[in-house]
Amino acid sequence: MKNHQKFIVRDGKVVTREYLFKKKEEFHKKQAKLSFEEKIKILVKLQEIAQSVRKSKTKNQFVWNITN
């Protein structure tokens, strides 16, 4: 019998390593199916988050300006 490594995650839930990798794979497959426009919207949101966290560290940091 295999020794399944277990982790405690949010709300004290215990999950196996295999479960985490399965969910990660499902997430990446779902993300790959997004339209190009949706991927760019996600990128802009991540840029906004990065800018708010690292304002003082980088002078050349900017967020793409896209129109909806």
C-alpha atoms as a PDB file:
ATOM      1  CA  MET A   1       0.000   0.000   0.000  1.00  0.00           C
ATOM      2  CA  LYS A   2       1.290   3.441  -0.969  1.00  0.00           C
ATOM      3  CA  ASN A   3       2.057   6.017   1.677  1.00  0.00           C
ATOM      4  CA  HIS A   4      -0.125   8.984   0.690  1.00  0.00           C
ATOM      5  CA  GLN A   5       1.215  12.268   1.950  1.00  0.00           C
ATOM      6  CA  LYS A   6      -1.541  14.450   3.435  1.00  0.00           C
ATOM      7  CA  PHE A   7      -1.753  18.203   3.979  1.00  0.00           C
ATOM      8  CA  ILE A   8      -3.989  20.429   6.029  1.00  0.00           C
ATOM      9  CA  VAL A   9      -5.406  23.254   3.940  1.00  0.00           C
ATOM     10  CA  ARG A  10      -8.022  25.960   4.407  1.00  0.00           C
ATOM     11  CA  ASP A  11     -10.629  25.340   7.103  1.00  0.00           C
ATOM     12  CA  GLY A  12      -8.639  22.409   8.485  1.00  0.00           C
ATOM     13  CA  LYS A  13      -9.507  20.157   5.534  1.00  0.00           C
ATOM     14  CA  VAL A  14      -7.056  17.307   4.999  1.00  0.00           C
ATOM     15  CA  VAL A  15      -6.183  16.481   1.385  1.00  0.00           C
ATOM     16  CA  THR A  16      -3.712  14.187  -0.316  1.00  0.00           C
ATOM     17  CA  ARG A  17      -0.933  15.195  -2.621  1.00  0.00           C
ATOM     18  CA  GLU A  18      -2.663  13.377  -5.481  1.00  0.00           C
ATOM     19  CA  TYR A  19      -5.826  15.416  -4.895  1.00  0.00           C
ATOM     20  CA  LEU A  20      -3.873  18.688  -5.027  1.00  0.00           C
ATOM     21  CA  PHE A  21      -2.183  17.726  -8.308  1.00  0.00           C
ATOM     22  CA  LYS A  22      -5.501  16.618  -9.808  1.00  0.00           C
ATOM     23  CA  LYS A  23      -7.138  19.943  -8.917  1.00  0.00           C
ATOM     24  CA  LYS A  24      -4.148  21.865 -10.264  1.00  0.00           C
ATOM     25  CA  GLU A  25      -4.396  20.007 -13.581  1.00  0.00           C
ATOM     26  CA  GLU A  26      -8.154  20.684 -13.781  1.00  0.00           C
ATOM     27  CA  PHE A  27      -7.550  24.384 -13.090  1.00  0.00           C
ATOM     28  CA  HIS A  28      -4.936  24.643 -15.860  1.00  0.00           C
ATOM     29  CA  LYS A  29      -7.181  22.880 -18.365  1.00  0.00           C
ATOM     30  CA  LYS A  30     -10.011  25.268 -17.517  1.00  0.00           C
ATOM     31  CA  GLN A  31      -7.712  28.290 -17.875  1.00  0.00           C
ATOM     32  CA  ALA A  32      -6.443  27.031 -21.238  1.00  0.00           C
ATOM     33  CA  LYS A  33     -10.005  27.019 -22.596  1.00  0.00           C
ATOM     34  CA  LEU A  34     -10.536  30.721 -21.832  1.00  0.00           C
ATOM     35  CA  SER A  35     -10.750  33.140 -24.731  1.00  0.00           C
ATOM     36  CA  PHE A  36      -7.797  35.401 -25.462  1.00  0.00           C
ATOM     37  CA  GLU A  37      -9.823  38.394 -24.246  1.00  0.00           C
ATOM     38  CA  GLU A  38     -10.543  36.714 -20.904  1.00  0.00           C
ATOM     39  CA  LYS A  39      -6.853  35.871 -20.489  1.00  0.00           C
ATOM     40  CA  ILE A  40      -5.923  39.524 -21.072  1.00  0.00           C
ATOM     41  CA  LYS A  41      -8.526  40.665 -18.515  1.00  0.00           C
ATOM     42  CA  ILE A  42      -6.979  38.298 -15.971  1.00  0.00           C
ATOM     43  CA  LEU A  43      -3.504  39.621 -16.831  1.00  0.00           C
ATOM     44  CA  VAL A  44      -4.621  43.226 -16.305  1.00  0.00           C
ATOM     45  CA  LYS A  45      -6.186  42.318 -12.951  1.00  0.00           C
ATOM     46  CA  LEU A  46      -2.909  40.680 -11.886  1.00  0.00           C
ATOM     47  CA  GLN A  47      -1.008  43.808 -12.993  1.00  0.00           C
ATOM     48  CA  GLU A  48      -3.324  45.939 -10.828  1.00  0.00           C
ATOM     49  CA  ILE A  49      -2.728  43.690  -7.831  1.00  0.00           C
ATOM     50  CA  ALA A  50       1.048  43.752  -8.376  1.00  0.00           C
ATOM     51  CA  GLN A  51       1.014  47.538  -8.710  1.00  0.00           C
ATOM     52  CA  SER A  52      -0.873  47.995  -5.447  1.00  0.00           C
ATOM     53  CA  VAL A  53       1.512  45.678  -3.592  1.00  0.00           C
ATOM     54  CA  ARG A  54       4.793  46.959  -5.024  1.00  0.00           C
ATOM     55  CA  LYS A  55       4.186  50.678  -5.674  1.00  0.00           C
ATOM     56  CA  SER A  56       7.309  51.949  -3.978  1.00  0.00           C
ATOM     57  CA  LYS A  57       9.717  49.359  -5.407  1.00  0.00           C
ATOM     58  CA  THR A  58       9.352  49.821  -9.167  1.00  0.00           C
ATOM     59  CA  LYS A  59       9.152  53.116 -11.032  1.00  0.00           C
ATOM     60  CA  ASN A  60       8.523  51.623 -14.487  1.00  0.00           C
ATOM     61  CA  GLN A  61       5.567  49.541 -13.409  1.00  0.00           C
ATOM     62  CA  PHE A  62       2.268  50.112 -15.234  1.00  0.00           C
ATOM     63  CA  VAL A  63      -1.092  48.503 -15.885  1.00  0.00           C
ATOM     64  CA  TRP A  64      -2.256  48.002 -19.450  1.00  0.00           C
ATOM     65  CA  ASN A  65      -5.147  50.260 -20.333  1.00  0.00           C
ATOM     66  CA  ILE A  66      -7.744  48.225 -22.215  1.00  0.00           C
ATOM     67  CA  THR A  67     -11.257  49.189 -23.204  1.00  0.00           C
ATOM     68  CA  ASN A  68     -14.156  46.832 -22.669  1.00  0.00           C
END
